[in-house]
Amino acid sequence: MNAGMLCCRLLGLSSRDRIAIGIEAGVRNTNLALLIKASVFPAVPGEPDPIADGAFFVALLYGAFALPTVLPALLLHRRRARL
């Protein structure tokens, strides 16, 4: 996400656009990981699947770490917008 925000900065996009693209990248990547998990490891009722559970955990873990990564930039942008 931060690499995408840096690329946007190099392209001269506004800070609003950079923040939006950074957040969207995190949400999109999390949703894509969940879609891939559901496609590759479909749930079978009554049958445990530790590999599918691990893939699901990793997707959710990425989502949990994605927001705090962009949160400082988001808070900084909100502070600048108030000024």
Protein backbone atom coordinates (compact mmCIF):
# COMPACT_ATOMS: atom_id res chain seq x y z
CA MET A 1 0.00 0.00 0.00
CA ASN A 2 2.76 2.40 0.87
CA ALA A 3 4.57 1.58 -2.37
CA GLY A 4 1.40 2.41 -4.28
CA MET A 5 1.05 5.66 -2.38
CA LEU A 6 4.68 6.50 -3.21
CA CYS A 7 4.07 5.84 -6.90
CA CYS A 8 1.04 8.13 -6.77
CA ARG A 9 3.16 10.81 -5.17
CA LEU A 10 5.76 10.49 -7.92
CA LEU A 11 2.97 10.85 -10.48
CA GLY A 12 1.84 14.06 -8.81
CA LEU A 13 -1.56 12.95 -7.52
CA SER A 14 -3.15 14.86 -4.66
CA SER A 15 -2.89 13.58 -1.10
CA ARG A 16 -6.60 12.73 -1.11
CA ASP A 17 -6.13 10.52 -4.13
CA ARG A 18 -3.03 8.89 -2.65
CA ILE A 19 -4.84 8.02 0.59
CA ALA A 20 -7.86 6.68 -1.30
CA ILE A 21 -5.68 4.51 -3.53
CA GLY A 22 -3.71 3.19 -0.54
CA ILE A 23 -6.85 2.20 1.36
CA GLU A 24 -8.46 0.74 -1.76
CA ALA A 25 -5.37 -1.37 -2.45
CA GLY A 26 -5.53 -2.89 1.03
CA VAL A 27 -9.25 -3.64 0.83
CA ARG A 28 -8.98 -5.00 -2.71
CA ASN A 29 -6.04 -7.25 -1.87
CA THR A 30 -7.81 -8.63 1.20
CA ASN A 31 -10.96 -9.35 -0.81
CA LEU A 32 -8.91 -10.93 -3.59
CA ALA A 33 -7.14 -13.20 -1.08
CA LEU A 34 -10.50 -14.30 0.33
CA LEU A 35 -11.81 -14.99 -3.19
CA ILE A 36 -8.75 -17.07 -4.05
CA LYS A 37 -9.08 -18.99 -0.78
CA ALA A 38 -12.75 -19.72 -1.50
CA SER A 39 -11.97 -20.79 -5.09
CA VAL A 40 -8.95 -22.97 -4.37
CA PHE A 41 -10.11 -24.38 -1.03
CA PRO A 42 -13.91 -24.61 -1.10
CA ALA A 43 -15.56 -25.35 2.22
CA VAL A 44 -16.82 -28.92 2.62
CA PRO A 45 -19.27 -29.26 5.53
CA GLY A 46 -18.09 -31.70 8.16
CA GLU A 47 -14.55 -32.05 6.78
CA PRO A 48 -11.68 -30.19 8.46
CA ASP A 49 -9.14 -28.61 6.14
CA PRO A 50 -6.12 -27.16 7.97
CA ILE A 51 -4.56 -25.77 4.77
CA ALA A 52 -7.75 -23.85 3.89
CA ASP A 53 -7.97 -22.63 7.48
CA GLY A 54 -4.37 -21.43 7.26
CA ALA A 55 -5.03 -19.62 3.97
CA PHE A 56 -8.11 -17.98 5.50
CA PHE A 57 -6.08 -16.91 8.53
CA VAL A 58 -3.35 -15.38 6.37
CA ALA A 59 -5.93 -13.43 4.33
CA LEU A 60 -7.53 -12.06 7.48
CA LEU A 61 -4.14 -11.33 9.02
CA TYR A 62 -3.15 -9.32 5.96
CA GLY A 63 -6.38 -7.35 6.25
CA ALA A 64 -5.71 -6.72 9.92
CA PHE A 65 -2.22 -5.36 9.17
CA ALA A 66 -3.25 -3.38 6.08
CA LEU A 67 -5.28 -0.71 7.85
CA PRO A 68 -2.70 0.20 10.53
CA THR A 69 -0.15 0.56 7.74
CA VAL A 70 -2.09 3.39 6.12
CA LEU A 71 -3.62 4.79 9.32
CA PRO A 72 -0.76 7.25 10.09
CA ALA A 73 -1.01 8.78 6.61
CA LEU A 74 -4.79 8.99 6.95
CA LEU A 75 -4.59 10.77 10.29
CA LEU A 76 -1.93 13.15 8.97
CA HIS A 77 -4.10 13.97 5.96
CA ARG A 78 -7.13 14.66 8.18
CA ARG A 79 -5.04 17.00 10.33
CA ARG A 80 -3.81 18.89 7.25
CA ALA A 81 -7.36 19.13 5.86
CA ARG A 82 -8.56 20.79 9.08
CA LEU A 83 -5.83 23.42 8.86
